[in-house]
Amino acid sequence: MGKDYLAEYQLTQEEAVQFAKEGRWESLSPAERGLFQLRQDRLCMEFSVFHEGITALLGRPVYTHEFAKPQLLWEEYQGLREKPTMDEILGKLPKHLQQNMIVVRHD
């Protein structure tokens, strides 16, 4: 899988650090924060801010292990893939975690 979701311009390490330190992400809506950070290769805001933003952008809870494949988050945002089911999300966890998991459904 390529990185075609990344923005054409990528912040340098120094720019990303400065962006975070100055809190320049604060002027963006949560969804804009999620989209901006998703398209950058370097973290330029606290991860919790990015997490909140990607959740707002996709309109669903996004679990930490889903960040390992940002291309899939991008494809979901672009409408190229449907929102994953809870079973699909849990299926991406390592097998040893799945074996000891108790899932409570509120369907």
PDB file of N, CA and C in Angstrom:
ATOM      1  N   MET A   1       0.835  -1.178   0.000  1.00  0.00           N
ATOM      2  CA  MET A   1       0.000   0.000   0.000  1.00  0.00           C
ATOM      3  C   MET A   1       0.881   1.243   0.000  1.00  0.00           C
ATOM      4  N   GLY A   2       0.573   2.190  -0.875  1.00  0.00           N
ATOM      5  CA  GLY A   2       1.333   3.427  -0.938  1.00  0.00           C
ATOM      6  C   GLY A   2       0.889   4.414   0.120  1.00  0.00           C
ATOM      7  N   LYS A   3       1.457   5.566   0.028  1.00  0.00           N
ATOM      8  CA  LYS A   3       1.101   6.636   0.965  1.00  0.00           C
ATOM      9  C   LYS A   3       0.447   7.779   0.198  1.00  0.00           C
ATOM     10  N   ASP A   4      -0.474   7.437  -0.717  1.00  0.00           N
ATOM     11  CA  ASP A   4      -1.121   8.451  -1.533  1.00  0.00           C
ATOM     12  C   ASP A   4      -2.066   9.339  -0.731  1.00  0.00           C
ATOM     13  N   TYR A   5      -2.299   9.018   0.521  1.00  0.00           N
ATOM     14  CA  TYR A   5      -3.142   9.849   1.381  1.00  0.00           C
ATOM     15  C   TYR A   5      -2.380  11.047   1.935  1.00  0.00           C
ATOM     16  N   LEU A   6      -1.054  11.018   1.859  1.00  0.00           N
ATOM     17  CA  LEU A   6      -0.260  12.106   2.425  1.00  0.00           C
ATOM     18  C   LEU A   6      -0.379  13.365   1.577  1.00  0.00           C
ATOM     19  N   ALA A   7      -0.388  14.509   2.249  1.00  0.00           N
ATOM     20  CA  ALA A   7      -0.434  15.800   1.559  1.00  0.00           C
ATOM     21  C   ALA A   7       0.844  15.989   0.747  1.00  0.00           C
ATOM     22  N   GLU A   8       0.723  16.768  -0.317  1.00  0.00           N
ATOM     23  CA  GLU A   8       1.891  17.022  -1.168  1.00  0.00           C
ATOM     24  C   GLU A   8       3.005  17.667  -0.349  1.00  0.00           C
ATOM     25  N   TYR A   9       2.648  18.653   0.487  1.00  0.00           N
ATOM     26  CA  TYR A   9       3.653  19.289   1.332  1.00  0.00           C
ATOM     27  C   TYR A   9       3.644  18.624   2.701  1.00  0.00           C
ATOM     28  N   GLN A  10       4.783  18.131   3.116  1.00  0.00           N
ATOM     29  CA  GLN A  10       4.949  17.530   4.427  1.00  0.00           C
ATOM     30  C   GLN A  10       5.763  18.471   5.310  1.00  0.00           C
ATOM     31  N   LEU A  11       5.268  18.683   6.529  1.00  0.00           N
ATOM     32  CA  LEU A  11       6.012  19.502   7.475  1.00  0.00           C
ATOM     33  C   LEU A  11       7.350  18.842   7.777  1.00  0.00           C
ATOM     34  N   THR A  12       8.385  19.648   7.898  1.00  0.00           N
ATOM     35  CA  THR A  12       9.665  19.119   8.351  1.00  0.00           C
ATOM     36  C   THR A  12       9.544  18.810   9.840  1.00  0.00           C
ATOM     37  N   GLN A  13      10.517  18.150  10.395  1.00  0.00           N
ATOM     38  CA  GLN A  13      10.488  17.859  11.832  1.00  0.00           C
ATOM     39  C   GLN A  13      10.412  19.153  12.631  1.00  0.00           C
ATOM     40  N   GLU A  14      11.196  20.134  12.238  1.00  0.00           N
ATOM     41  CA  GLU A  14      11.209  21.415  12.947  1.00  0.00           C
ATOM     42  C   GLU A  14       9.845  22.108  12.835  1.00  0.00           C
ATOM     43  N   GLU A  15       9.240  22.091  11.658  1.00  0.00           N
ATOM     44  CA  GLU A  15       7.936  22.719  11.463  1.00  0.00           C
ATOM     45  C   GLU A  15       6.851  22.007  12.267  1.00  0.00           C
ATOM     46  N   ALA A  16       6.920  20.673  12.307  1.00  0.00           N
ATOM     47  CA  ALA A  16       5.925  19.907  13.063  1.00  0.00           C
ATOM     48  C   ALA A  16       6.026  20.213  14.553  1.00  0.00           C
ATOM     49  N   VAL A  17       7.246  20.294  15.063  1.00  0.00           N
ATOM     50  CA  VAL A  17       7.449  20.619  16.476  1.00  0.00           C
ATOM     51  C   VAL A  17       6.930  22.021  16.765  1.00  0.00           C
ATOM     52  N   GLN A  18       7.251  22.975  15.902  1.00  0.00           N
ATOM     53  CA  GLN A  18       6.805  24.359  16.086  1.00  0.00           C
ATOM     54  C   GLN A  18       5.281  24.451  16.016  1.00  0.00           C
ATOM     55  N   PHE A  19       4.671  23.745  15.058  1.00  0.00           N
ATOM     56  CA  PHE A  19       3.219  23.716  14.899  1.00  0.00           C
ATOM     57  C   PHE A  19       2.568  23.253  16.200  1.00  0.00           C
ATOM     58  N   ALA A  20       3.138  22.195  16.792  1.00  0.00           N
ATOM     59  CA  ALA A  20       2.595  21.649  18.044  1.00  0.00           C
ATOM     60  C   ALA A  20       2.819  22.614  19.210  1.00  0.00           C
ATOM     61  N   LYS A  21       4.038  23.115  19.347  1.00  0.00           N
ATOM     62  CA  LYS A  21       4.359  24.011  20.463  1.00  0.00           C
ATOM     63  C   LYS A  21       3.514  25.272  20.463  1.00  0.00           C
ATOM     64  N   GLU A  22       3.270  25.809  19.273  1.00  0.00           N
ATOM     65  CA  GLU A  22       2.489  27.043  19.158  1.00  0.00           C
ATOM     66  C   GLU A  22       0.986  26.794  19.218  1.00  0.00           C
ATOM     67  N   GLY A  23       0.591  25.529  19.235  1.00  0.00           N
ATOM     68  CA  GLY A  23      -0.826  25.198  19.286  1.00  0.00           C
ATOM     69  C   GLY A  23      -1.582  25.675  18.057  1.00  0.00           C
ATOM     70  N   ARG A  24      -0.913  25.650  16.903  1.00  0.00           N
ATOM     71  CA  ARG A  24      -1.545  26.171  15.688  1.00  0.00           C
ATOM     72  C   ARG A  24      -2.724  25.323  15.240  1.00  0.00           C
ATOM     73  N   TRP A  25      -2.826  24.118  15.744  1.00  0.00           N
ATOM     74  CA  TRP A  25      -3.957  23.252  15.425  1.00  0.00           C
ATOM     75  C   TRP A  25      -5.235  23.727  16.118  1.00  0.00           C
ATOM     76  N   GLU A  26      -5.106  24.575  17.134  1.00  0.00           N
ATOM     77  CA  GLU A  26      -6.268  25.010  17.917  1.00  0.00           C
ATOM     78  C   GLU A  26      -7.293  25.794  17.097  1.00  0.00           C
ATOM     79  N   SER A  27      -6.868  26.425  16.018  1.00  0.00           N
ATOM     80  CA  SER A  27      -7.803  27.193  15.192  1.00  0.00           C
ATOM     81  C   SER A  27      -8.617  26.291  14.254  1.00  0.00           C
ATOM     82  N   LEU A  28      -8.273  25.033  14.189  1.00  0.00           N
ATOM     83  CA  LEU A  28      -8.977  24.082  13.324  1.00  0.00           C
ATOM     84  C   LEU A  28     -10.096  23.388  14.088  1.00  0.00           C
ATOM     85  N   SER A  29     -11.146  23.019  13.382  1.00  0.00           N
ATOM     86  CA  SER A  29     -12.211  22.222  14.008  1.00  0.00           C
ATOM     87  C   SER A  29     -11.647  20.829  14.292  1.00  0.00           C
ATOM     88  N   PRO A  30     -12.289  20.056  15.173  1.00  0.00           N
ATOM     89  CA  PRO A  30     -11.783  18.705  15.429  1.00  0.00           C
ATOM     90  C   PRO A  30     -11.629  17.872  14.147  1.00  0.00           C
ATOM     91  N   ALA A  31     -12.609  17.914  13.253  1.00  0.00           N
ATOM     92  CA  ALA A  31     -12.502  17.135  12.011  1.00  0.00           C
ATOM     93  C   ALA A  31     -11.350  17.632  11.140  1.00  0.00           C
ATOM     94  N   GLU A  32     -11.148  18.948  11.088  1.00  0.00           N
ATOM     95  CA  GLU A  32     -10.028  19.500  10.314  1.00  0.00           C
ATOM     96  C   GLU A  32      -8.692  19.065  10.910  1.00  0.00           C
ATOM     97  N   ARG A  33      -8.625  18.997  12.224  1.00  0.00           N
ATOM     98  CA  ARG A  33      -7.398  18.529  12.893  1.00  0.00           C
ATOM     99  C   ARG A  33      -7.104  17.084  12.487  1.00  0.00           C
ATOM    100  N   GLY A  34      -8.157  16.266  12.510  1.00  0.00           N
ATOM    101  CA  GLY A  34      -7.989  14.864  12.137  1.00  0.00           C
ATOM    102  C   GLY A  34      -7.514  14.708  10.713  1.00  0.00           C
ATOM    103  N   LEU A  35      -8.112  15.458   9.792  1.00  0.00           N
ATOM    104  CA  LEU A  35      -7.737  15.377   8.383  1.00  0.00           C
ATOM    105  C   LEU A  35      -6.325  15.893   8.165  1.00  0.00           C
ATOM    106  N   PHE A  36      -5.998  17.038   8.776  1.00  0.00           N
ATOM    107  CA  PHE A  36      -4.658  17.601   8.620  1.00  0.00           C
ATOM    108  C   PHE A  36      -3.600  16.614   9.102  1.00  0.00           C
ATOM    109  N   GLN A  37      -3.794  16.063  10.304  1.00  0.00           N
ATOM    110  CA  GLN A  37      -2.788  15.166  10.856  1.00  0.00           C
ATOM    111  C   GLN A  37      -2.721  13.853  10.087  1.00  0.00           C
ATOM    112  N   LEU A  38      -3.852  13.341   9.645  1.00  0.00           N
ATOM    113  CA  LEU A  38      -3.866  12.101   8.868  1.00  0.00           C
ATOM    114  C   LEU A  38      -3.007  12.242   7.617  1.00  0.00           C
ATOM    115  N   ARG A  39      -2.963  13.428   7.050  1.00  0.00           N
ATOM    116  CA  ARG A  39      -2.242  13.646   5.806  1.00  0.00           C
ATOM    117  C   ARG A  39      -0.786  14.040   6.011  1.00  0.00           C
ATOM    118  N   GLN A  40      -0.345  14.115   7.268  1.00  0.00           N
ATOM    119  CA  GLN A  40       1.052  14.420   7.574  1.00  0.00           C
ATOM    120  C   GLN A  40       1.769  13.161   8.054  1.00  0.00           C
ATOM    121  N   ASP A  41       3.025  13.047   7.685  1.00  0.00           N
ATOM    122  CA  ASP A  41       3.824  11.882   8.082  1.00  0.00           C
ATOM    123  C   ASP A  41       4.384  12.026   9.496  1.00  0.00           C
ATOM    124  N   ARG A  42       4.474  13.242   9.984  1.00  0.00           N
ATOM    125  CA  ARG A  42       4.996  13.509  11.328  1.00  0.00           C
ATOM    126  C   ARG A  42       3.867  14.005  12.226  1.00  0.00           C
ATOM    127  N   LEU A  43       3.884  13.555  13.466  1.00  0.00           N
ATOM    128  CA  LEU A  43       2.888  14.012  14.426  1.00  0.00           C
ATOM    129  C   LEU A  43       3.149  15.485  14.721  1.00  0.00           C
ATOM    130  N   CYS A  44       2.118  16.323  14.563  1.00  0.00           N
ATOM    131  CA  CYS A  44       2.305  17.765  14.773  1.00  0.00           C
ATOM    132  C   CYS A  44       1.278  18.313  15.761  1.00  0.00           C
ATOM    133  N   MET A  45       0.730  17.429  16.578  1.00  0.00           N
ATOM    134  CA  MET A  45      -0.178  17.800  17.670  1.00  0.00           C
ATOM    135  C   MET A  45      -0.171  16.617  18.625  1.00  0.00           C
ATOM    136  N   GLU A  46      -0.653  16.800  19.820  1.00  0.00           N
ATOM    137  CA  GLU A  46      -0.708  15.677  20.751  1.00  0.00           C
ATOM    138  C   GLU A  46      -1.559  14.569  20.145  1.00  0.00           C
ATOM    139  N   PHE A  47      -1.173  13.319  20.405  1.00  0.00           N
ATOM    140  CA  PHE A  47      -1.911  12.203  19.827  1.00  0.00           C
ATOM    141  C   PHE A  47      -3.378  12.235  20.243  1.00  0.00           C
ATOM    142  N   SER A  48      -3.668  12.646  21.471  1.00  0.00           N
ATOM    143  CA  SER A  48      -5.064  12.688  21.930  1.00  0.00           C
ATOM    144  C   SER A  48      -5.889  13.671  21.098  1.00  0.00           C
ATOM    145  N   VAL A  49      -5.270  14.760  20.645  1.00  0.00           N
ATOM    146  CA  VAL A  49      -5.952  15.746  19.792  1.00  0.00           C
ATOM    147  C   VAL A  49      -6.222  15.119  18.429  1.00  0.00           C
ATOM    148  N   PHE A  50      -5.225  14.418  17.890  1.00  0.00           N
ATOM    149  CA  PHE A  50      -5.395  13.719  16.617  1.00  0.00           C
ATOM    150  C   PHE A  50      -6.491  12.666  16.734  1.00  0.00           C
ATOM    151  N   HIS A  51      -6.466  11.908  17.823  1.00  0.00           N
ATOM    152  CA  HIS A  51      -7.459  10.851  18.042  1.00  0.00           C
ATOM    153  C   HIS A  51      -8.866  11.444  18.061  1.00  0.00           C
ATOM    154  N   GLU A  52      -9.047  12.521  18.796  1.00  0.00           N
ATOM    155  CA  GLU A  52     -10.345  13.190  18.838  1.00  0.00           C
ATOM    156  C   GLU A  52     -10.742  13.669  17.440  1.00  0.00           C
ATOM    157  N   GLY A  53      -9.774  14.183  16.701  1.00  0.00           N
ATOM    158  CA  GLY A  53     -10.038  14.708  15.372  1.00  0.00           C
ATOM    159  C   GLY A  53     -10.427  13.647  14.366  1.00  0.00           C
ATOM    160  N   ILE A  54      -9.735  12.525  14.379  1.00  0.00           N
ATOM    161  CA  ILE A  54     -10.054  11.467  13.415  1.00  0.00           C
ATOM    162  C   ILE A  54     -11.405  10.846  13.750  1.00  0.00           C
ATOM    163  N   THR A  55     -11.740  10.804  15.031  1.00  0.00           N
ATOM    164  CA  THR A  55     -13.060  10.323  15.456  1.00  0.00           C
ATOM    165  C   THR A  55     -14.145  11.259  14.918  1.00  0.00           C
ATOM    166  N   ALA A  56     -13.918  12.562  15.005  1.00  0.00           N
ATOM    167  CA  ALA A  56     -14.879  13.535  14.467  1.00  0.00           C
ATOM    168  C   ALA A  56     -14.953  13.440  12.947  1.00  0.00           C
ATOM    169  N   LEU A  57     -13.809  13.278  12.311  1.00  0.00           N
ATOM    170  CA  LEU A  57     -13.751  13.215  10.858  1.00  0.00           C
ATOM    171  C   LEU A  57     -14.530  12.018  10.315  1.00  0.00           C
ATOM    172  N   LEU A  58     -14.358  10.856  10.947  1.00  0.00           N
ATOM    173  CA  LEU A  58     -14.999   9.636  10.455  1.00  0.00           C
ATOM    174  C   LEU A  58     -16.381   9.407  11.059  1.00  0.00           C
ATOM    175  N   GLY A  59     -16.695  10.144  12.121  1.00  0.00           N
ATOM    176  CA  GLY A  59     -18.018  10.016  12.724  1.00  0.00           C
ATOM    177  C   GLY A  59     -18.248   8.699  13.430  1.00  0.00           C
ATOM    178  N   ARG A  60     -17.184   8.129  13.966  1.00  0.00           N
ATOM    179  CA  ARG A  60     -17.291   6.868  14.709  1.00  0.00           C
ATOM    180  C   ARG A  60     -16.092   6.756  15.642  1.00  0.00           C
ATOM    181  N   PRO A  61     -16.196   5.892  16.656  1.00  0.00           N
ATOM    182  CA  PRO A  61     -15.018   5.657  17.492  1.00  0.00           C
ATOM    183  C   PRO A  61     -13.899   5.039  16.652  1.00  0.00           C
ATOM    184  N   VAL A  62     -12.701   5.537  16.799  1.00  0.00           N
ATOM    185  CA  VAL A  62     -11.540   4.984  16.111  1.00  0.00           C
ATOM    186  C   VAL A  62     -10.629   4.420  17.197  1.00  0.00           C
ATOM    187  N   TYR A  63     -10.303   3.151  17.076  1.00  0.00           N
ATOM    188  CA  TYR A  63      -9.512   2.470  18.095  1.00  0.00           C
ATOM    189  C   TYR A  63      -8.030   2.596  17.784  1.00  0.00           C
ATOM    190  N   THR A  64      -7.234   2.644  18.818  1.00  0.00           N
ATOM    191  CA  THR A  64      -5.812   2.930  18.701  1.00  0.00           C
ATOM    192  C   THR A  64      -5.113   2.058  17.666  1.00  0.00           C
ATOM    193  N   HIS A  65      -5.425   0.772  17.641  1.00  0.00           N
ATOM    194  CA  HIS A  65      -4.721  -0.104  16.700  1.00  0.00           C
ATOM    195  C   HIS A  65      -5.048   0.215  15.242  1.00  0.00           C
ATOM    196  N   GLU A  66      -6.117   0.964  14.994  1.00  0.00           N
ATOM    197  CA  GLU A  66      -6.463   1.333  13.618  1.00  0.00           C
ATOM    198  C   GLU A  66      -5.486   2.359  13.037  1.00  0.00           C
ATOM    199  N   PHE A  67      -4.773   3.090  13.884  1.00  0.00           N
ATOM    200  CA  PHE A  67      -3.815   4.079  13.416  1.00  0.00           C
ATOM    201  C   PHE A  67      -2.599   3.433  12.760  1.00  0.00           C
ATOM    202  N   ALA A  68      -2.426   2.136  12.955  1.00  0.00           N
ATOM    203  CA  ALA A  68      -1.301   1.429  12.348  1.00  0.00           C
ATOM    204  C   ALA A  68      -1.427   1.383  10.825  1.00  0.00           C
ATOM    205  N   LYS A  69      -2.660   1.546  10.309  1.00  0.00           N
ATOM    206  CA  LYS A  69      -2.879   1.525   8.861  1.00  0.00           C
ATOM    207  C   LYS A  69      -3.657   2.777   8.440  1.00  0.00           C
ATOM    208  N   PRO A  70      -2.959   3.926   8.410  1.00  0.00           N
ATOM    209  CA  PRO A  70      -3.642   5.180   8.080  1.00  0.00           C
ATOM    210  C   PRO A  70      -4.268   5.176   6.694  1.00  0.00           C
ATOM    211  N   GLN A  71      -3.739   4.385   5.785  1.00  0.00           N
ATOM    212  CA  GLN A  71      -4.312   4.302   4.438  1.00  0.00           C
ATOM    213  C   GLN A  71      -5.777   3.863   4.508  1.00  0.00           C
ATOM    214  N   LEU A  72      -6.093   2.952   5.422  1.00  0.00           N
ATOM    215  CA  LEU A  72      -7.473   2.485   5.557  1.00  0.00           C
ATOM    216  C   LEU A  72      -8.382   3.584   6.108  1.00  0.00           C
ATOM    217  N   LEU A  73      -7.858   4.392   7.018  1.00  0.00           N
ATOM    218  CA  LEU A  73      -8.636   5.523   7.536  1.00  0.00           C
ATOM    219  C   LEU A  73      -8.894   6.533   6.423  1.00  0.00           C
ATOM    220  N   TRP A  74      -7.880   6.765   5.594  1.00  0.00           N
ATOM    221  CA  TRP A  74      -8.026   7.679   4.471  1.00  0.00           C
ATOM    222  C   TRP A  74      -9.079   7.160   3.490  1.00  0.00           C
ATOM    223  N   GLU A  75      -9.006   5.873   3.162  1.00  0.00           N
ATOM    224  CA  GLU A  75      -9.964   5.284   2.226  1.00  0.00           C
ATOM    225  C   GLU A  75     -11.387   5.370   2.777  1.00  0.00           C
ATOM    226  N   GLU A  76     -11.531   5.187   4.070  1.00  0.00           N
ATOM    227  CA  GLU A  76     -12.856   5.330   4.685  1.00  0.00           C
ATOM    228  C   GLU A  76     -13.340   6.765   4.556  1.00  0.00           C
ATOM    229  N   TYR A  77     -12.479   7.722   4.828  1.00  0.00           N
ATOM    230  CA  TYR A  77     -12.837   9.132   4.710  1.00  0.00           C
ATOM    231  C   TYR A  77     -13.238   9.478   3.267  1.00  0.00           C
ATOM    232  N   GLN A  78     -12.512   8.925   2.302  1.00  0.00           N
ATOM    233  CA  GLN A  78     -12.774   9.189   0.891  1.00  0.00           C
ATOM    234  C   GLN A  78     -14.013   8.454   0.368  1.00  0.00           C
ATOM    235  N   GLY A  79     -14.582   7.569   1.189  1.00  0.00           N
ATOM    236  CA  GLY A  79     -15.746   6.802   0.748  1.00  0.00           C
ATOM    237  C   GLY A  79     -15.382   5.613  -0.118  1.00  0.00           C
ATOM    238  N   LEU A  80     -14.108   5.237  -0.110  1.00  0.00           N
ATOM    239  CA  LEU A  80     -13.636   4.111  -0.909  1.00  0.00           C
ATOM    240  C   LEU A  80     -13.826   2.776  -0.189  1.00  0.00           C
ATOM    241  N   ARG A  81     -14.116   2.860   1.085  1.00  0.00           N
ATOM    242  CA  ARG A  81     -14.387   1.657   1.870  1.00  0.00           C
ATOM    243  C   ARG A  81     -15.449   2.010   2.897  1.00  0.00           C
ATOM    244  N   GLU A  82     -16.244   1.031   3.220  1.00  0.00           N
ATOM    245  CA  GLU A  82     -17.305   1.253   4.205  1.00  0.00           C
ATOM    246  C   GLU A  82     -16.713   1.274   5.603  1.00  0.00           C
ATOM    247  N   LYS A  83     -17.456   1.886   6.511  1.00  0.00           N
ATOM    248  CA  LYS A  83     -17.026   1.880   7.910  1.00  0.00           C
ATOM    249  C   LYS A  83     -16.920   0.424   8.353  1.00  0.00           C
ATOM    250  N   PRO A  84     -15.861   0.080   9.042  1.00  0.00           N
ATOM    251  CA  PRO A  84     -15.717  -1.313   9.470  1.00  0.00           C
ATOM    252  C   PRO A  84     -16.724  -1.658  10.569  1.00  0.00           C
ATOM    253  N   THR A  85     -17.088  -2.918  10.595  1.00  0.00           N
ATOM    254  CA  THR A  85     -17.956  -3.401  11.668  1.00  0.00           C
ATOM    255  C   THR A  85     -17.093  -3.605  12.909  1.00  0.00           C
ATOM    256  N   MET A  86     -17.734  -3.748  14.056  1.00  0.00           N
ATOM    257  CA  MET A  86     -16.990  -3.996  15.286  1.00  0.00           C
ATOM    258  C   MET A  86     -16.207  -5.305  15.164  1.00  0.00           C
ATOM    259  N   ASP A  87     -16.800  -6.316  14.544  1.00  0.00           N
ATOM    260  CA  ASP A  87     -16.089  -7.586  14.363  1.00  0.00           C
ATOM    261  C   ASP A  87     -14.828  -7.394  13.523  1.00  0.00           C
ATOM    262  N   GLU A  88     -14.906  -6.567  12.479  1.00  0.00           N
ATOM    263  CA  GLU A  88     -13.725  -6.309  11.646  1.00  0.00           C
ATOM    264  C   GLU A  88     -12.655  -5.556  12.424  1.00  0.00           C
ATOM    265  N   ILE A  89     -13.081  -4.593  13.238  1.00  0.00           N
ATOM    266  CA  ILE A  89     -12.121  -3.832  14.047  1.00  0.00           C
ATOM    267  C   ILE A  89     -11.434  -4.750  15.051  1.00  0.00           C
ATOM    268  N   LEU A  90     -12.217  -5.552  15.748  1.00  0.00           N
ATOM    269  CA  LEU A  90     -11.639  -6.463  16.740  1.00  0.00           C
ATOM    270  C   LEU A  90     -10.784  -7.532  16.072  1.00  0.00           C
ATOM    271  N   GLY A  91     -11.142  -7.914  14.851  1.00  0.00           N
ATOM    272  CA  GLY A  91     -10.381  -8.920  14.121  1.00  0.00           C
ATOM    273  C   GLY A  91      -8.977  -8.484  13.768  1.00  0.00           C
ATOM    274  N   LYS A  92      -8.698  -7.196  13.829  1.00  0.00           N
ATOM    275  CA  LYS A  92      -7.360  -6.678  13.534  1.00  0.00           C
ATOM    276  C   LYS A  92      -6.432  -6.745  14.737  1.00  0.00           C
ATOM    277  N   LEU A  93      -6.997  -7.044  15.901  1.00  0.00           N
ATOM    278  CA  LEU A  93      -6.172  -7.172  17.104  1.00  0.00           C
ATOM    279  C   LEU A  93      -5.385  -8.473  17.040  1.00  0.00           C
ATOM    280  N   PRO A  94      -4.230  -8.522  17.689  1.00  0.00           N
ATOM    281  CA  PRO A  94      -3.475  -9.769  17.743  1.00  0.00           C
ATOM    282  C   PRO A  94      -4.328 -10.890  18.349  1.00  0.00           C
ATOM    283  N   LYS A  95      -4.105 -12.098  17.872  1.00  0.00           N
ATOM    284  CA  LYS A  95      -4.909 -13.255  18.296  1.00  0.00           C
ATOM    285  C   LYS A  95      -4.899 -13.449  19.808  1.00  0.00           C
ATOM    286  N   HIS A  96      -3.747 -13.235  20.450  1.00  0.00           N
ATOM    287  CA  HIS A  96      -3.686 -13.458  21.902  1.00  0.00           C
ATOM    288  C   HIS A  96      -4.598 -12.488  22.661  1.00  0.00           C
ATOM    289  N   LEU A  97      -4.842 -11.313  22.100  1.00  0.00           N
ATOM    290  CA  LEU A  97      -5.765 -10.373  22.743  1.00  0.00           C
ATOM    291  C   LEU A  97      -7.213 -10.759  22.475  1.00  0.00           C
ATOM    292  N   GLN A  98      -7.467 -11.265  21.285  1.00  0.00           N
ATOM    293  CA  GLN A  98      -8.826 -11.680  20.938  1.00  0.00           C
ATOM    294  C   GLN A  98      -9.291 -12.848  21.804  1.00  0.00           C
ATOM    295  N   GLN A  99      -8.379 -13.732  22.156  1.00  0.00           N
ATOM    296  CA  GLN A  99      -8.732 -14.923  22.926  1.00  0.00           C
ATOM    297  C   GLN A  99      -9.191 -14.595  24.336  1.00  0.00           C
ATOM    298  N   ASN A 100      -8.694 -13.509  24.905  1.00  0.00           N
ATOM    299  CA  ASN A 100      -9.002 -13.154  26.291  1.00  0.00           C
ATOM    300  C   ASN A 100      -9.983 -11.985  26.391  1.00  0.00           C
ATOM    301  N   MET A 101     -10.689 -11.722  25.317  1.00  0.00           N
ATOM    302  CA  MET A 101     -11.541 -10.555  25.264  1.00  0.00           C
ATOM    303  C   MET A 101     -12.994 -10.918  25.567  1.00  0.00           C
ATOM    304  N   ILE A 102     -13.630 -10.049  26.308  1.00  0.00           N
ATOM    305  CA  ILE A 102     -15.078 -10.160  26.553  1.00  0.00           C
ATOM    306  C   ILE A 102     -15.707  -8.960  25.863  1.00  0.00           C
ATOM    307  N   VAL A 103     -16.613  -9.204  24.962  1.00  0.00           N
ATOM    308  CA  VAL A 103     -17.260  -8.136  24.218  1.00  0.00           C
ATOM    309  C   VAL A 103     -18.711  -8.038  24.682  1.00  0.00           C
ATOM    310  N   VAL A 104     -19.094  -6.842  25.099  1.00  0.00           N
ATOM    311  CA  VAL A 104     -20.471  -6.598  25.505  1.00  0.00           C
ATOM    312  C   VAL A 104     -21.113  -5.779  24.393  1.00  0.00           C
ATOM    313  N   ARG A 105     -22.142  -6.318  23.797  1.00  0.00           N
ATOM    314  CA  ARG A 105     -22.815  -5.635  22.676  1.00  0.00           C
ATOM    315  C   ARG A 105     -24.078  -4.956  23.168  1.00  0.00           C
ATOM    316  N   HIS A 106     -24.342  -3.811  22.592  1.00  0.00           N
ATOM    317  CA  HIS A 106     -25.532  -3.048  22.932  1.00  0.00           C
ATOM    318  C   HIS A 106     -26.433  -2.910  21.713  1.00  0.00           C
ATOM    319  N   ASP A 107     -26.493  -3.966  20.881  1.00  0.00           N
ATOM    320  CA  ASP A 107     -27.296  -3.934  19.650  1.00  0.00           C
ATOM    321  C   ASP A 107     -28.771  -3.948  19.957  1.00  0.00           C
TER     322      ASP A 107
END
